[in-house]
Structure formats: C-alpha cells, structure tokens
Amino acid sequence: MSPHATDDALVAAARAGSSVAFARLVDRHQQPLRAFLRRTCGDWSLADDLAQETFLTAWSRLGSLKSGASVRAWLCGIGYRKHLTAARTRGRNRVREAAWLAERPPSIAPMSDERMTLETVMADLPLDQRACVALCLAADFSHAEAAETLGLPLGTVKSHVTRGRARLLEALGDDNDGR
C-alpha cells in the first residue's frame, strides 16, 4: 500500500482487516485529534488517553464510517463524545477530580501570561462552546465540519464560535473583534 494512499483507500483496506492501513490512518490523524482533545479538555494527559480510546473505538467501528466521509471529523466526533463522557464522570465524582488535579504533572516549561490566560478562558467556556472554538479556530475546521463532528446544529456552532472568540479576545485585552 502506498504511503500516499487516500483516507478512503486506507479505510477500505482496514475494513478488510489490514492493521497496517489502520496504523497509517492513526499516524495521519493522531496529532490533529490530540491537539483538538487537548484544547477541548485542557489536560494533555487526559487528552492523550482519550485519543487512544478514540482509536480503539474507531478500529471496532470502522464499518460505521460512511463512504467518502472525513476520517478526521469522524475521529474528532468519537473523541469529543469520549470527552463528554469523561467530563460527566468527573462531575459525578468530585473526589476523583480532586485526586486527578493533585496528580497532574507540572509543566515542563513555564507558560507565557498570554497562553495561561487563553488556557484559563478556554477552561471556563462551556463544553460545547470550547469544542467549537477548538475545532474552528485552532484546528481549521469549517463550521459545517464542526457541526457534523459534534452533532450540533450549524447555527449553534456559529454562535458558540462567535461567543468563544469574543471571550478570548476580551481576555487578551483586544476589544477590536476583527471588524
């Protein structure tokens, strides 16, 4: 199989049982998926775990991927649903959340004030809004792709992105919203 094979060709081969083809899909999409999940959940370790779970689920559900559909969007959708499940679990179990925060590894390098502000604002955004911002502003998804990925109406995604962007700009002290 060519290293430049299309996602559709790799999916077809993986559906036929090729673990090599699936490994190529993982290699191709793991960084964008992890980046999305890191922005969405705000924790790199958790995001990496969710990405791994996403690929395990994707392997078992390859048959549900529609022909010609975006593999990246499909994976981000699975990852986002895994993130929501994890968030609900943490919400129901505050003791587990406290233990997770206590075990969080320290940053390797200190963050700039601007980046800390952005991460704080992102963490304060509602889950759906945070995911929309992470996909549309950071991962270059179109509003339509984000809507499909997250299972939200297009208008809702547009509103979430607009409101989230405004909060980020406000936090950075930029009152000019680009108009």
Protein backbone atom coordinates (compact mmCIF):
# COMPACT_ATOMS: atom_id res chain seq x y z
CA MET A 1 0.00 0.00 0.00
CA SER A 2 1.34 3.39 -0.99
CA PRO A 3 2.36 5.76 1.80
CA HIS A 4 0.36 8.42 -0.08
CA ALA A 5 -2.86 6.38 -0.18
CA THR A 6 -6.05 8.34 0.38
CA ASP A 7 -8.01 8.02 3.59
CA ASP A 8 -10.74 6.21 1.64
CA ALA A 9 -8.23 3.62 0.37
CA LEU A 10 -6.79 3.15 3.87
CA VAL A 11 -10.27 2.78 5.38
CA ALA A 12 -11.19 0.18 2.76
CA ALA A 13 -8.01 -1.78 3.46
CA ALA A 14 -8.53 -1.51 7.23
CA ARG A 15 -12.11 -2.74 6.86
CA ALA A 16 -10.68 -5.74 5.02
CA GLY A 17 -8.52 -6.43 8.09
CA SER A 18 -5.29 -4.57 7.36
CA SER A 19 -3.81 -3.36 10.62
CA VAL A 20 -1.06 -1.66 8.60
CA ALA A 21 -3.65 0.50 6.83
CA PHE A 22 -5.28 1.40 10.14
CA ALA A 23 -1.86 2.24 11.61
CA ARG A 24 -1.34 4.66 8.70
CA LEU A 25 -4.69 6.29 9.49
CA VAL A 26 -3.61 6.62 13.12
CA ASP A 27 -0.27 8.15 12.09
CA ARG A 28 -2.02 10.57 9.76
CA HIS A 29 -4.70 11.74 12.21
CA GLN A 30 -3.31 11.32 15.73
CA GLN A 31 -1.73 14.78 16.02
CA PRO A 32 -4.82 16.74 14.89
CA LEU A 33 -7.03 14.58 17.14
CA ARG A 34 -4.76 15.01 20.17
CA ALA A 35 -4.50 18.76 19.57
CA PHE A 36 -8.30 19.04 19.42
CA LEU A 37 -8.75 16.98 22.58
CA ARG A 38 -6.04 18.92 24.41
CA ARG A 39 -7.78 22.19 23.64
CA THR A 40 -11.18 20.76 24.50
CA CYS A 41 -10.39 19.17 27.83
CA GLY A 42 -7.46 21.34 28.86
CA ASP A 43 -5.34 18.44 30.12
CA TRP A 44 -2.68 16.85 27.94
CA SER A 45 -2.54 13.56 29.79
CA LEU A 46 -6.31 13.09 29.67
CA ALA A 47 -6.36 14.15 26.01
CA ASP A 48 -3.76 11.52 25.13
CA ASP A 49 -5.77 8.85 26.96
CA LEU A 50 -8.96 9.95 25.16
CA ALA A 51 -7.16 9.87 21.81
CA GLN A 52 -6.01 6.32 22.48
CA GLU A 53 -9.55 5.31 23.43
CA THR A 54 -10.82 7.04 20.30
CA PHE A 55 -8.57 4.96 18.04
CA LEU A 56 -9.57 1.74 19.81
CA THR A 57 -13.22 2.60 19.29
CA ALA A 58 -12.58 3.66 15.69
CA TRP A 59 -10.96 0.29 14.90
CA SER A 60 -14.03 -1.56 16.14
CA ARG A 61 -16.47 0.83 14.41
CA LEU A 62 -14.82 1.26 11.02
CA GLY A 63 -17.93 -0.20 9.44
CA SER A 64 -19.99 2.77 10.66
CA LEU A 65 -17.85 5.33 8.79
CA LYS A 66 -19.80 6.46 5.76
CA SER A 67 -18.06 6.14 2.43
CA GLY A 68 -16.35 9.40 1.49
CA ALA A 69 -16.82 10.92 4.95
CA SER A 70 -13.96 12.84 6.57
CA VAL A 71 -11.93 10.47 8.74
CA ARG A 72 -10.58 13.44 10.73
CA ALA A 73 -14.08 14.71 11.52
CA TRP A 74 -15.28 11.19 12.36
CA LEU A 75 -12.38 10.66 14.77
CA CYS A 76 -12.86 14.07 16.39
CA GLY A 77 -16.55 13.25 16.86
CA ILE A 78 -15.71 9.98 18.61
CA GLY A 79 -13.08 11.76 20.71
CA TYR A 80 -15.48 14.53 21.66
CA ARG A 81 -18.11 12.03 22.81
CA LYS A 82 -15.45 10.29 24.88
CA HIS A 83 -14.51 13.66 26.37
CA LEU A 84 -18.14 14.40 27.27
CA THR A 85 -18.44 11.00 28.97
CA ALA A 86 -15.26 11.66 30.93
CA ALA A 87 -16.47 15.14 31.91
CA ARG A 88 -19.80 13.77 33.15
CA THR A 89 -17.97 11.14 35.16
CA ARG A 90 -15.79 13.78 36.80
CA GLY A 91 -18.86 15.87 37.53
CA ARG A 92 -20.50 12.99 39.34
CA ASN A 93 -17.39 12.16 41.29
CA ARG A 94 -15.68 15.27 42.71
CA VAL A 95 -13.35 13.14 44.80
CA ARG A 96 -11.89 11.60 41.65
CA GLU A 97 -11.46 15.08 40.17
CA ALA A 98 -9.55 16.27 43.25
CA ALA A 99 -7.23 13.26 43.02
CA TRP A 100 -6.67 13.92 39.31
CA LEU A 101 -5.74 17.55 39.99
CA ALA A 102 -3.34 16.52 42.74
CA GLU A 103 -1.59 14.06 40.40
CA ARG A 104 -1.34 16.40 37.42
CA PRO A 105 2.31 16.67 36.37
CA PRO A 106 3.87 20.12 36.46
CA SER A 107 4.50 21.93 33.19
CA ILE A 108 7.89 21.30 31.62
CA ALA A 109 8.28 24.92 30.62
CA PRO A 110 6.57 27.91 32.15
CA MET A 111 3.75 29.28 30.05
CA SER A 112 3.58 32.86 28.94
CA ASP A 113 0.99 35.04 30.64
CA GLU A 114 -0.95 35.23 27.38
CA ARG A 115 -1.05 31.45 26.98
CA MET A 116 -2.07 30.97 30.62
CA THR A 117 -4.85 33.49 30.08
CA LEU A 118 -6.01 31.68 26.93
CA GLU A 119 -5.99 28.29 28.67
CA THR A 120 -7.88 29.71 31.63
CA VAL A 121 -10.52 31.29 29.39
CA MET A 122 -10.80 28.08 27.33
CA ALA A 123 -11.29 26.07 30.53
CA ASP A 124 -14.06 28.45 31.61
CA LEU A 125 -16.01 28.09 28.35
CA PRO A 126 -18.98 25.70 28.39
CA LEU A 127 -18.03 22.27 26.96
CA ASP A 128 -19.85 22.65 23.62
CA GLN A 129 -18.53 26.18 23.12
CA ARG A 130 -14.98 25.10 23.98
CA ALA A 131 -15.15 22.24 21.47
CA CYS A 132 -16.46 24.56 18.73
CA VAL A 133 -13.68 27.07 19.38
CA ALA A 134 -11.04 24.34 19.45
CA LEU A 135 -12.22 22.89 16.13
CA CYS A 136 -12.97 26.07 14.20
CA LEU A 137 -10.33 28.47 15.48
CA ALA A 138 -7.48 26.14 16.33
CA ALA A 139 -7.96 23.08 14.09
CA ASP A 140 -9.22 24.95 11.00
CA PHE A 141 -12.49 23.03 10.76
CA SER A 142 -15.26 24.75 8.86
CA HIS A 143 -18.41 25.49 10.84
CA ALA A 144 -20.17 22.72 8.89
CA GLU A 145 -17.42 20.19 9.69
CA ALA A 146 -17.55 21.12 13.36
CA ALA A 147 -21.35 20.82 13.38
CA GLU A 148 -21.14 17.34 11.86
CA THR A 149 -18.31 16.29 14.17
CA LEU A 150 -20.01 17.48 17.35
CA GLY A 151 -23.57 16.61 16.35
CA LEU A 152 -24.71 20.20 16.83
CA PRO A 153 -26.82 22.43 14.56
CA LEU A 154 -24.77 24.68 12.26
CA GLY A 155 -26.23 27.86 13.77
CA THR A 156 -25.31 26.70 17.26
CA VAL A 157 -21.71 26.09 16.19
CA LYS A 158 -21.52 29.55 14.62
CA SER A 159 -22.89 31.14 17.81
CA HIS A 160 -20.51 29.17 20.02
CA VAL A 161 -17.51 30.18 17.89
CA THR A 162 -18.54 33.85 17.86
CA ARG A 163 -19.11 33.98 21.62
CA GLY A 164 -15.98 31.97 22.41
CA ARG A 165 -13.82 34.12 20.14
CA ALA A 166 -15.18 37.26 21.78
CA ARG A 167 -14.30 35.93 25.25
CA LEU A 168 -10.79 35.00 24.11
CA LEU A 169 -10.22 38.43 22.58
CA GLU A 170 -11.61 40.13 25.68
CA ALA A 171 -9.25 38.12 27.89
CA LEU A 172 -6.30 39.17 25.75
CA GLY A 173 -7.35 42.80 26.04
CA ASP A 174 -8.22 43.11 22.35
CA ASP A 175 -11.53 44.95 22.19
CA ASN A 176 -11.35 45.01 18.40
CA ASP A 177 -13.02 41.81 17.24
CA GLY A 178 -11.54 41.98 13.77
CA ARG A 179 -14.12 44.22 12.13
